[in-house]
Amino acid sequence: HDMLTLTGGAIGQGLPSAVGAAVAC
């Protein structure tokens, strides 16, 4: 599997990032 993490420490990234990952794949 792939794992994406909070690269910049600014919380609120996870749900939007999941949107983008799902659109890409």
PDB file of all heavy atoms in Angstrom:
ATOM      1  N   HIS A   1       0.842  -1.198   0.000  1.00  0.00           N
ATOM      2  CA  HIS A   1       0.000   0.000   0.000  1.00  0.00           C
ATOM      3  C   HIS A   1       0.876   1.246   0.000  1.00  0.00           C
ATOM      4  O   HIS A   1       2.095   1.175   0.199  1.00  0.00           O
ATOM      5  CB  HIS A   1      -0.923   0.006   1.221  1.00  0.00           C
ATOM      6  CG  HIS A   1      -0.195  -0.045   2.529  1.00  0.00           C
ATOM      7  ND1 HIS A   1       0.261  -1.239   3.073  1.00  0.00           N
ATOM      8  CD2 HIS A   1       0.173   0.921   3.412  1.00  0.00           C
ATOM      9  CE1 HIS A   1       0.874  -1.002   4.222  1.00  0.00           C
ATOM     10  NE2 HIS A   1       0.833   0.307   4.452  1.00  0.00           N
ATOM     11  N   ASP A   2       0.251   2.388  -0.231  1.00  0.00           N
ATOM     12  CA  ASP A   2       0.907   3.685  -0.108  1.00  0.00           C
ATOM     13  C   ASP A   2       0.401   4.375   1.149  1.00  0.00           C
ATOM     14  O   ASP A   2      -0.754   4.199   1.545  1.00  0.00           O
ATOM     15  CB  ASP A   2       0.590   4.580  -1.310  1.00  0.00           C
ATOM     16  CG  ASP A   2       1.323   4.141  -2.564  1.00  0.00           C
ATOM     17  OD1 ASP A   2       2.479   4.556  -2.740  1.00  0.00           O
ATOM     18  OD2 ASP A   2       0.734   3.382  -3.355  1.00  0.00           O
ATOM     19  N   MET A   3       1.274   5.185   1.757  1.00  0.00           N
ATOM     20  CA  MET A   3       0.864   5.984   2.903  1.00  0.00           C
ATOM     21  C   MET A   3       1.264   7.428   2.664  1.00  0.00           C
ATOM     22  O   MET A   3       2.412   7.720   2.294  1.00  0.00           O
ATOM     23  CB  MET A   3       1.503   5.474   4.198  1.00  0.00           C
ATOM     24  CG  MET A   3       1.047   6.233   5.443  1.00  0.00           C
ATOM     25  SD  MET A   3       1.779   5.603   6.984  1.00  0.00           S
ATOM     26  CE  MET A   3       0.833   4.097   7.215  1.00  0.00           C
ATOM     27  N   LEU A   4       0.304   8.339   2.871  1.00  0.00           N
ATOM     28  CA  LEU A   4       0.535   9.776   2.774  1.00  0.00           C
ATOM     29  C   LEU A   4       0.446  10.355   4.175  1.00  0.00           C
ATOM     30  O   LEU A   4      -0.445   9.995   4.944  1.00  0.00           O
ATOM     31  CB  LEU A   4      -0.510  10.443   1.876  1.00  0.00           C
ATOM     32  CG  LEU A   4      -0.831   9.779   0.536  1.00  0.00           C
ATOM     33  CD1 LEU A   4      -1.833  10.628  -0.244  1.00  0.00           C
ATOM     34  CD2 LEU A   4       0.413   9.533  -0.287  1.00  0.00           C
ATOM     35  N   THR A   5       1.362  11.270   4.512  1.00  0.00           N
ATOM     36  CA  THR A   5       1.381  11.795   5.871  1.00  0.00           C
ATOM     37  C   THR A   5       1.391  13.323   5.878  1.00  0.00           C
ATOM     38  O   THR A   5       1.479  13.973   4.835  1.00  0.00           O
ATOM     39  CB  THR A   5       2.590  11.258   6.663  1.00  0.00           C
ATOM     40  OG1 THR A   5       3.785  11.907   6.223  1.00  0.00           O
ATOM     41  CG2 THR A   5       2.737   9.756   6.514  1.00  0.00           C
ATOM     42  N   LEU A   6       1.368  13.870   7.075  1.00  0.00           N
ATOM     43  CA  LEU A   6       1.203  15.307   7.302  1.00  0.00           C
ATOM     44  C   LEU A   6       2.562  16.011   7.181  1.00  0.00           C
ATOM     45  O   LEU A   6       3.210  16.312   8.171  1.00  0.00           O
ATOM     46  CB  LEU A   6       0.584  15.533   8.683  1.00  0.00           C
ATOM     47  CG  LEU A   6       0.213  16.955   9.090  1.00  0.00           C
ATOM     48  CD1 LEU A   6      -0.807  17.551   8.136  1.00  0.00           C
ATOM     49  CD2 LEU A   6      -0.324  16.958  10.515  1.00  0.00           C
ATOM     50  N   THR A   7       2.971  16.301   5.967  1.00  0.00           N
ATOM     51  CA  THR A   7       4.331  16.757   5.700  1.00  0.00           C
ATOM     52  C   THR A   7       4.685  18.090   6.341  1.00  0.00           C
ATOM     53  O   THR A   7       5.837  18.314   6.716  1.00  0.00           O
ATOM     54  CB  THR A   7       4.564  16.869   4.186  1.00  0.00           C
ATOM     55  OG1 THR A   7       3.462  17.588   3.602  1.00  0.00           O
ATOM     56  CG2 THR A   7       4.652  15.501   3.544  1.00  0.00           C
ATOM     57  N   GLY A   8       3.715  18.984   6.458  1.00  0.00           N
ATOM     58  CA  GLY A   8       4.016  20.313   6.972  1.00  0.00           C
ATOM     59  C   GLY A   8       3.535  20.568   8.381  1.00  0.00           C
ATOM     60  O   GLY A   8       3.765  21.647   8.931  1.00  0.00           O
ATOM     61  N   GLY A   9       2.849  19.597   8.968  1.00  0.00           N
ATOM     62  CA  GLY A   9       2.389  19.744  10.346  1.00  0.00           C
ATOM     63  C   GLY A   9       1.144  20.594  10.528  1.00  0.00           C
ATOM     64  O   GLY A   9       0.670  20.754  11.651  1.00  0.00           O
ATOM     65  N   ALA A  10       0.586  21.154   9.449  1.00  0.00           N
ATOM     66  CA  ALA A  10      -0.622  21.984   9.554  1.00  0.00           C
ATOM     67  C   ALA A  10      -1.836  21.063   9.466  1.00  0.00           C
ATOM     68  O   ALA A  10      -2.157  20.538   8.396  1.00  0.00           O
ATOM     69  CB  ALA A  10      -0.657  23.025   8.438  1.00  0.00           C
ATOM     70  N   ILE A  11      -2.516  20.856  10.599  1.00  0.00           N
ATOM     71  CA  ILE A  11      -3.584  19.861  10.623  1.00  0.00           C
ATOM     72  C   ILE A  11      -4.780  20.326   9.787  1.00  0.00           C
ATOM     73  O   ILE A  11      -4.958  21.505   9.524  1.00  0.00           O
ATOM     74  CB  ILE A  11      -4.000  19.489  12.049  1.00  0.00           C
ATOM     75  CG1 ILE A  11      -4.532  20.704  12.815  1.00  0.00           C
ATOM     76  CG2 ILE A  11      -2.841  18.856  12.793  1.00  0.00           C
ATOM     77  CD1 ILE A  11      -5.074  20.342  14.198  1.00  0.00           C
ATOM     78  N   GLY A  12      -5.586  19.350   9.385  1.00  0.00           N
ATOM     79  CA  GLY A  12      -6.677  19.602   8.449  1.00  0.00           C
ATOM     80  C   GLY A  12      -6.328  19.140   7.046  1.00  0.00           C
ATOM     81  O   GLY A  12      -7.030  19.445   6.088  1.00  0.00           O
ATOM     82  N   GLN A  13      -5.265  18.370   6.922  1.00  0.00           N
ATOM     83  CA  GLN A  13      -4.792  17.900   5.626  1.00  0.00           C
ATOM     84  C   GLN A  13      -5.423  16.579   5.207  1.00  0.00           C
ATOM     85  O   GLN A  13      -5.608  16.314   4.024  1.00  0.00           O
ATOM     86  CB  GLN A  13      -3.259  17.745   5.669  1.00  0.00           C
ATOM     87  CG  GLN A  13      -2.618  17.180   4.419  1.00  0.00           C
ATOM     88  CD  GLN A  13      -2.245  15.701   4.559  1.00  0.00           C
ATOM     89  OE1 GLN A  13      -2.367  15.128   5.647  1.00  0.00           O
ATOM     90  NE2 GLN A  13      -1.829  15.090   3.474  1.00  0.00           N
ATOM     91  N   GLY A  14      -5.767  15.719   6.180  1.00  0.00           N
ATOM     92  CA  GLY A  14      -6.085  14.336   5.881  1.00  0.00           C
ATOM     93  C   GLY A  14      -7.306  14.111   5.009  1.00  0.00           C
ATOM     94  O   GLY A  14      -7.236  13.409   3.995  1.00  0.00           O
ATOM     95  N   LEU A  15      -8.455  14.666   5.394  1.00  0.00           N
ATOM     96  CA  LEU A  15      -9.671  14.447   4.603  1.00  0.00           C
ATOM     97  C   LEU A  15      -9.546  15.018   3.190  1.00  0.00           C
ATOM     98  O   LEU A  15      -9.895  14.339   2.216  1.00  0.00           O
ATOM     99  CB  LEU A  15     -10.881  15.023   5.333  1.00  0.00           C
ATOM    100  CG  LEU A  15     -11.300  14.300   6.617  1.00  0.00           C
ATOM    101  CD1 LEU A  15     -12.443  15.050   7.309  1.00  0.00           C
ATOM    102  CD2 LEU A  15     -11.724  12.855   6.331  1.00  0.00           C
ATOM    103  N   PRO A  16      -9.060  16.267   3.012  1.00  0.00           N
ATOM    104  CA  PRO A  16      -8.872  16.759   1.641  1.00  0.00           C
ATOM    105  C   PRO A  16      -7.873  15.928   0.833  1.00  0.00           C
ATOM    106  O   PRO A  16      -8.089  15.672  -0.354  1.00  0.00           O
ATOM    107  CB  PRO A  16      -8.361  18.186   1.854  1.00  0.00           C
ATOM    108  CG  PRO A  16      -8.859  18.586   3.193  1.00  0.00           C
ATOM    109  CD  PRO A  16      -8.813  17.334   4.004  1.00  0.00           C
ATOM    110  N   SER A  17      -6.790  15.508   1.474  1.00  0.00           N
ATOM    111  CA  SER A  17      -5.799  14.705   0.759  1.00  0.00           C
ATOM    112  C   SER A  17      -6.397  13.384   0.294  1.00  0.00           C
ATOM    113  O   SER A  17      -6.083  12.896  -0.796  1.00  0.00           O
ATOM    114  CB  SER A  17      -4.590  14.448   1.669  1.00  0.00           C
ATOM    115  OG  SER A  17      -3.539  13.845   0.961  1.00  0.00           O
ATOM    116  N   ALA A  18      -7.292  12.816   1.108  1.00  0.00           N
ATOM    117  CA  ALA A  18      -7.977  11.591   0.703  1.00  0.00           C
ATOM    118  C   ALA A  18      -8.856  11.821  -0.516  1.00  0.00           C
ATOM    119  O   ALA A  18      -8.956  10.959  -1.400  1.00  0.00           O
ATOM    120  CB  ALA A  18      -8.810  11.066   1.872  1.00  0.00           C
ATOM    121  N   VAL A  19      -9.493  12.995  -0.589  1.00  0.00           N
ATOM    122  CA  VAL A  19     -10.270  13.355  -1.784  1.00  0.00           C
ATOM    123  C   VAL A  19      -9.380  13.318  -3.019  1.00  0.00           C
ATOM    124  O   VAL A  19      -9.702  12.692  -4.041  1.00  0.00           O
ATOM    125  CB  VAL A  19     -10.902  14.752  -1.622  1.00  0.00           C
ATOM    126  CG1 VAL A  19     -11.435  15.266  -2.963  1.00  0.00           C
ATOM    127  CG2 VAL A  19     -12.030  14.718  -0.597  1.00  0.00           C
ATOM    128  N   GLY A  20      -8.240  13.994  -2.933  1.00  0.00           N
ATOM    129  CA  GLY A  20      -7.339  14.048  -4.077  1.00  0.00           C
ATOM    130  C   GLY A  20      -6.793  12.690  -4.463  1.00  0.00           C
ATOM    131  O   GLY A  20      -6.696  12.358  -5.654  1.00  0.00           O
ATOM    132  N   ALA A  21      -6.427  11.874  -3.474  1.00  0.00           N
ATOM    133  CA  ALA A  21      -5.900  10.542  -3.759  1.00  0.00           C
ATOM    134  C   ALA A  21      -6.948   9.683  -4.459  1.00  0.00           C
ATOM    135  O   ALA A  21      -6.641   8.925  -5.385  1.00  0.00           O
ATOM    136  CB  ALA A  21      -5.439   9.877  -2.463  1.00  0.00           C
ATOM    137  N   ALA A  22      -8.205   9.795  -4.026  1.00  0.00           N
ATOM    138  CA  ALA A  22      -9.277   9.010  -4.637  1.00  0.00           C
ATOM    139  C   ALA A  22      -9.570   9.460  -6.063  1.00  0.00           C
ATOM    140  O   ALA A  22      -9.896   8.643  -6.927  1.00  0.00           O
ATOM    141  CB  ALA A  22     -10.547   9.104  -3.784  1.00  0.00           C
ATOM    142  N   VAL A  23      -9.454  10.767  -6.330  1.00  0.00           N
ATOM    143  CA  VAL A  23      -9.636  11.259  -7.700  1.00  0.00           C
ATOM    144  C   VAL A  23      -8.497  10.766  -8.591  1.00  0.00           C
ATOM    145  O   VAL A  23      -8.705  10.362  -9.737  1.00  0.00           O
ATOM    146  CB  VAL A  23      -9.717  12.801  -7.709  1.00  0.00           C
ATOM    147  CG1 VAL A  23      -9.680  13.339  -9.139  1.00  0.00           C
ATOM    148  CG2 VAL A  23     -10.995  13.269  -7.014  1.00  0.00           C
ATOM    149  N   ALA A  24      -7.268  10.762  -8.056  1.00  0.00           N
ATOM    150  CA  ALA A  24      -6.113  10.324  -8.837  1.00  0.00           C
ATOM    151  C   ALA A  24      -6.134   8.827  -9.111  1.00  0.00           C
ATOM    152  O   ALA A  24      -5.693   8.381 -10.174  1.00  0.00           O
ATOM    153  CB  ALA A  24      -4.823  10.691  -8.098  1.00  0.00           C
ATOM    154  N   CYS A  25      -6.659   8.040  -8.167  1.00  0.00           N
ATOM    155  CA  CYS A  25      -6.609   6.569  -8.257  1.00  0.00           C
ATOM    156  C   CYS A  25      -8.000   5.993  -7.992  1.00  0.00           C
ATOM    157  O   CYS A  25      -8.241   5.397  -6.934  1.00  0.00           O
ATOM    158  CB  CYS A  25      -5.607   6.016  -7.251  1.00  0.00           C
ATOM    159  SG  CYS A  25      -3.936   6.688  -7.400  1.00  0.00           S
TER     160      CYS A  25
END
